[in-house]
């Protein structure tokens, strides 16, 4: 079962290009929630309700809860669920930094506003900070709670 949640606030995921790398942003107007294994999850790789303004790179959107930088300048993404009743589940969130061979990496992610706002930052020669939950039935998901 899946449901679409609209009324999101300030959901803008950024990529700070450089050296021909992806640059721009994706804004999410809504997200898709999926019920699996008796849990409720955000489908992270679902651009259905998004608008992207991107240059360079092969991607057509930046996945929900991700940020990247290749200019050694601080870049911040925000995933905000404040206008909904759902919250990010801090105990079920895996935080990944610098997934590829990047250098000069600094980054973090912070939950605030009663676990309804996720602020993700990065500064790197080329790197990323992102969250991901379990992969269930081949889908990258992030668990949420009420």
C-alpha atoms as a PDB file:
ATOM      1  CA  UNK A   1       0.000   0.000   0.000  1.00  0.00           C
ATOM      2  CA  UNK A   2       1.295   3.490  -0.773  1.00  0.00           C
ATOM      3  CA  UNK A   3       0.019   6.944   0.095  1.00  0.00           C
ATOM      4  CA  UNK A   4       1.087  10.358  -1.107  1.00  0.00           C
ATOM      5  CA  UNK A   5       1.740  13.042   1.481  1.00  0.00           C
ATOM      6  CA  UNK A   6       1.549  16.637   0.330  1.00  0.00           C
ATOM      7  CA  UNK A   7       1.739  19.847   2.394  1.00  0.00           C
ATOM      8  CA  UNK A   8       5.502  19.558   2.690  1.00  0.00           C
ATOM      9  CA  UNK A   9       7.429  22.650   3.706  1.00  0.00           C
ATOM     10  CA  UNK A  10      10.881  23.746   2.466  1.00  0.00           C
ATOM     11  CA  UNK A  11      11.985  20.509   0.858  1.00  0.00           C
ATOM     12  CA  UNK A  12      14.946  21.386  -1.309  1.00  0.00           C
ATOM     13  CA  UNK A  13      17.778  18.961  -1.976  1.00  0.00           C
ATOM     14  CA  UNK A  14      20.971  20.468  -3.429  1.00  0.00           C
ATOM     15  CA  UNK A  15      24.017  19.524  -5.431  1.00  0.00           C
ATOM     16  CA  UNK A  16      26.868  22.026  -5.517  1.00  0.00           C
ATOM     17  CA  UNK A  17      28.669  21.110  -8.754  1.00  0.00           C
ATOM     18  CA  UNK A  18      32.193  21.813  -9.866  1.00  0.00           C
ATOM     19  CA  UNK A  19      34.504  19.990 -12.248  1.00  0.00           C
ATOM     20  CA  UNK A  20      31.555  19.114 -14.482  1.00  0.00           C
ATOM     21  CA  UNK A  21      29.626  17.459 -11.633  1.00  0.00           C
ATOM     22  CA  UNK A  22      25.900  17.683 -10.933  1.00  0.00           C
ATOM     23  CA  UNK A  23      24.739  21.137  -9.852  1.00  0.00           C
ATOM     24  CA  UNK A  24      21.333  22.521  -8.940  1.00  0.00           C
ATOM     25  CA  UNK A  25      18.427  21.416  -6.812  1.00  0.00           C
ATOM     26  CA  UNK A  26      15.286  19.305  -6.590  1.00  0.00           C
ATOM     27  CA  UNK A  27      12.199  20.556  -4.765  1.00  0.00           C
ATOM     28  CA  UNK A  28       9.706  18.017  -3.445  1.00  0.00           C
ATOM     29  CA  UNK A  29       6.056  19.083  -3.302  1.00  0.00           C
ATOM     30  CA  UNK A  30       4.981  15.708  -1.901  1.00  0.00           C
ATOM     31  CA  UNK A  31       6.523  12.374  -0.986  1.00  0.00           C
ATOM     32  CA  UNK A  32       5.305   8.826  -1.392  1.00  0.00           C
ATOM     33  CA  UNK A  33       4.842   6.736   1.748  1.00  0.00           C
ATOM     34  CA  UNK A  34       4.894   2.965   1.503  1.00  0.00           C
ATOM     35  CA  UNK A  35       3.727   0.433   4.062  1.00  0.00           C
ATOM     36  CA  UNK A  36       5.983  -2.630   4.193  1.00  0.00           C
ATOM     37  CA  UNK A  37       6.769  -5.190   6.875  1.00  0.00           C
ATOM     38  CA  UNK A  38       4.342  -3.482   9.283  1.00  0.00           C
ATOM     39  CA  UNK A  39       6.213  -0.174   8.989  1.00  0.00           C
ATOM     40  CA  UNK A  40       5.719   3.125   7.196  1.00  0.00           C
ATOM     41  CA  UNK A  41       8.551   4.331   4.932  1.00  0.00           C
ATOM     42  CA  UNK A  42       9.426   7.231   2.627  1.00  0.00           C
ATOM     43  CA  UNK A  43      10.338   6.086  -0.856  1.00  0.00           C
ATOM     44  CA  UNK A  44      13.646   7.954  -1.344  1.00  0.00           C
ATOM     45  CA  UNK A  45      14.077   7.373  -5.071  1.00  0.00           C
ATOM     46  CA  UNK A  46      10.719   8.695  -6.267  1.00  0.00           C
ATOM     47  CA  UNK A  47      10.776  12.010  -8.159  1.00  0.00           C
ATOM     48  CA  UNK A  48       7.051  11.838  -9.050  1.00  0.00           C
ATOM     49  CA  UNK A  49       6.164  14.938  -7.014  1.00  0.00           C
ATOM     50  CA  UNK A  50       9.364  16.905  -7.562  1.00  0.00           C
ATOM     51  CA  UNK A  51      10.730  19.654  -9.763  1.00  0.00           C
ATOM     52  CA  UNK A  52      14.425  19.696 -10.642  1.00  0.00           C
ATOM     53  CA  UNK A  53      16.728  22.405 -11.918  1.00  0.00           C
ATOM     54  CA  UNK A  54      19.968  20.563 -12.564  1.00  0.00           C
ATOM     55  CA  UNK A  55      23.031  21.012 -14.738  1.00  0.00           C
ATOM     56  CA  UNK A  56      25.734  18.488 -15.644  1.00  0.00           C
ATOM     57  CA  UNK A  57      25.715  14.879 -14.604  1.00  0.00           C
ATOM     58  CA  UNK A  58      23.385  12.095 -15.651  1.00  0.00           C
ATOM     59  CA  UNK A  59      20.808  12.429 -12.851  1.00  0.00           C
ATOM     60  CA  UNK A  60      17.395  13.991 -13.441  1.00  0.00           C
ATOM     61  CA  UNK A  61      16.683  14.539  -9.713  1.00  0.00           C
ATOM     62  CA  UNK A  62      18.382  14.514  -6.315  1.00  0.00           C
ATOM     63  CA  UNK A  63      16.944  11.842  -4.082  1.00  0.00           C
ATOM     64  CA  UNK A  64      15.100  12.809  -0.915  1.00  0.00           C
ATOM     65  CA  UNK A  65      17.440  13.388   2.103  1.00  0.00           C
ATOM     66  CA  UNK A  66      20.652  13.907   0.098  1.00  0.00           C
ATOM     67  CA  UNK A  67      23.204  16.684  -0.516  1.00  0.00           C
ATOM     68  CA  UNK A  68      26.439  16.784  -2.550  1.00  0.00           C
ATOM     69  CA  UNK A  69      29.334  19.191  -3.102  1.00  0.00           C
ATOM     70  CA  UNK A  70      32.322  19.306  -5.446  1.00  0.00           C
ATOM     71  CA  UNK A  71      33.386  22.959  -4.948  1.00  0.00           C
ATOM     72  CA  UNK A  72      34.598  22.840  -1.326  1.00  0.00           C
ATOM     73  CA  UNK A  73      31.709  25.150  -0.371  1.00  0.00           C
ATOM     74  CA  UNK A  74      29.126  24.335   2.310  1.00  0.00           C
ATOM     75  CA  UNK A  75      25.926  23.022   0.785  1.00  0.00           C
ATOM     76  CA  UNK A  76      22.749  22.349   2.768  1.00  0.00           C
ATOM     77  CA  UNK A  77      19.647  20.339   1.948  1.00  0.00           C
ATOM     78  CA  UNK A  78      16.462  20.343   4.009  1.00  0.00           C
ATOM     79  CA  UNK A  79      13.788  17.659   4.300  1.00  0.00           C
ATOM     80  CA  UNK A  80      10.887  19.156   6.232  1.00  0.00           C
ATOM     81  CA  UNK A  81       7.797  17.211   7.359  1.00  0.00           C
ATOM     82  CA  UNK A  82       6.439  19.902   9.740  1.00  0.00           C
ATOM     83  CA  UNK A  83       3.092  20.309   7.972  1.00  0.00           C
ATOM     84  CA  UNK A  84       2.361  16.609   8.341  1.00  0.00           C
ATOM     85  CA  UNK A  85       1.853  14.263  11.296  1.00  0.00           C
ATOM     86  CA  UNK A  86       4.847  12.077  10.393  1.00  0.00           C
ATOM     87  CA  UNK A  87       8.370  12.223  11.818  1.00  0.00           C
ATOM     88  CA  UNK A  88      11.728  10.822  10.849  1.00  0.00           C
ATOM     89  CA  UNK A  89      12.649   7.778  12.923  1.00  0.00           C
ATOM     90  CA  UNK A  90      16.138   8.536  14.320  1.00  0.00           C
ATOM     91  CA  UNK A  91      16.787   4.985  15.481  1.00  0.00           C
ATOM     92  CA  UNK A  92      16.218   3.555  12.006  1.00  0.00           C
ATOM     93  CA  UNK A  93      18.244   6.077  10.019  1.00  0.00           C
ATOM     94  CA  UNK A  94      21.618   5.126   8.550  1.00  0.00           C
ATOM     95  CA  UNK A  95      23.864   8.145   7.907  1.00  0.00           C
ATOM     96  CA  UNK A  96      26.302   7.791   5.024  1.00  0.00           C
ATOM     97  CA  UNK A  97      29.086  10.199   4.243  1.00  0.00           C
ATOM     98  CA  UNK A  98      31.342  10.382   1.262  1.00  0.00           C
ATOM     99  CA  UNK A  99      30.175   7.190  -0.483  1.00  0.00           C
ATOM    100  CA  UNK A 100      32.808   7.346  -3.228  1.00  0.00           C
ATOM    101  CA  UNK A 101      36.463   8.267  -3.233  1.00  0.00           C
ATOM    102  CA  UNK A 102      36.077  11.909  -2.182  1.00  0.00           C
ATOM    103  CA  UNK A 103      38.555  14.059  -0.327  1.00  0.00           C
ATOM    104  CA  UNK A 104      38.523  16.981   2.146  1.00  0.00           C
ATOM    105  CA  UNK A 105      35.098  15.852   3.354  1.00  0.00           C
ATOM    106  CA  UNK A 106      33.087  17.502   6.144  1.00  0.00           C
ATOM    107  CA  UNK A 107      29.399  16.895   6.635  1.00  0.00           C
ATOM    108  CA  UNK A 108      26.641  15.994   8.994  1.00  0.00           C
ATOM    109  CA  UNK A 109      22.905  15.641   9.318  1.00  0.00           C
ATOM    110  CA  UNK A 110      20.746  16.846  12.167  1.00  0.00           C
ATOM    111  CA  UNK A 111      17.150  16.146  13.119  1.00  0.00           C
ATOM    112  CA  UNK A 112      15.221  19.011  14.763  1.00  0.00           C
ATOM    113  CA  UNK A 113      11.660  20.244  15.386  1.00  0.00           C
ATOM    114  CA  UNK A 114      10.571  17.056  17.129  1.00  0.00           C
ATOM    115  CA  UNK A 115      12.262  14.905  14.431  1.00  0.00           C
ATOM    116  CA  UNK A 116      10.264  16.514  11.621  1.00  0.00           C
ATOM    117  CA  UNK A 117      13.109  18.504  10.015  1.00  0.00           C
ATOM    118  CA  UNK A 118      16.295  16.917   8.661  1.00  0.00           C
ATOM    119  CA  UNK A 119      19.108  19.315   7.750  1.00  0.00           C
ATOM    120  CA  UNK A 120      21.918  17.688   5.760  1.00  0.00           C
ATOM    121  CA  UNK A 121      25.259  19.439   5.069  1.00  0.00           C
ATOM    122  CA  UNK A 122      28.434  18.700   3.133  1.00  0.00           C
ATOM    123  CA  UNK A 123      31.648  20.384   2.082  1.00  0.00           C
ATOM    124  CA  UNK A 124      34.080  18.351   0.023  1.00  0.00           C
ATOM    125  CA  UNK A 125      36.397  18.108  -2.938  1.00  0.00           C
ATOM    126  CA  UNK A 126      33.613  15.889  -4.208  1.00  0.00           C
ATOM    127  CA  UNK A 127      31.343  14.089  -1.776  1.00  0.00           C
ATOM    128  CA  UNK A 128      27.871  13.604  -0.384  1.00  0.00           C
ATOM    129  CA  UNK A 129      25.925  13.166   2.824  1.00  0.00           C
ATOM    130  CA  UNK A 130      22.701  11.187   2.743  1.00  0.00           C
ATOM    131  CA  UNK A 131      20.388   9.030   4.793  1.00  0.00           C
ATOM    132  CA  UNK A 132      18.980   5.726   3.832  1.00  0.00           C
ATOM    133  CA  UNK A 133      17.005   3.105   5.575  1.00  0.00           C
ATOM    134  CA  UNK A 134      16.700  -0.553   4.689  1.00  0.00           C
ATOM    135  CA  UNK A 135      16.269  -1.894   1.203  1.00  0.00           C
ATOM    136  CA  UNK A 136      12.981  -3.805   1.103  1.00  0.00           C
ATOM    137  CA  UNK A 137      11.872  -5.582  -2.062  1.00  0.00           C
ATOM    138  CA  UNK A 138      14.552  -3.706  -4.025  1.00  0.00           C
ATOM    139  CA  UNK A 139      13.467  -0.205  -2.878  1.00  0.00           C
ATOM    140  CA  UNK A 140      15.554   2.283  -0.862  1.00  0.00           C
ATOM    141  CA  UNK A 141      13.315   3.363   2.022  1.00  0.00           C
ATOM    142  CA  UNK A 142      13.506   5.527   5.145  1.00  0.00           C
ATOM    143  CA  UNK A 143      11.274   4.648   8.078  1.00  0.00           C
ATOM    144  CA  UNK A 144       8.967   7.286   9.570  1.00  0.00           C
ATOM    145  CA  UNK A 145       6.821   7.372  12.713  1.00  0.00           C
ATOM    146  CA  UNK A 146       3.932   9.398  14.136  1.00  0.00           C
END
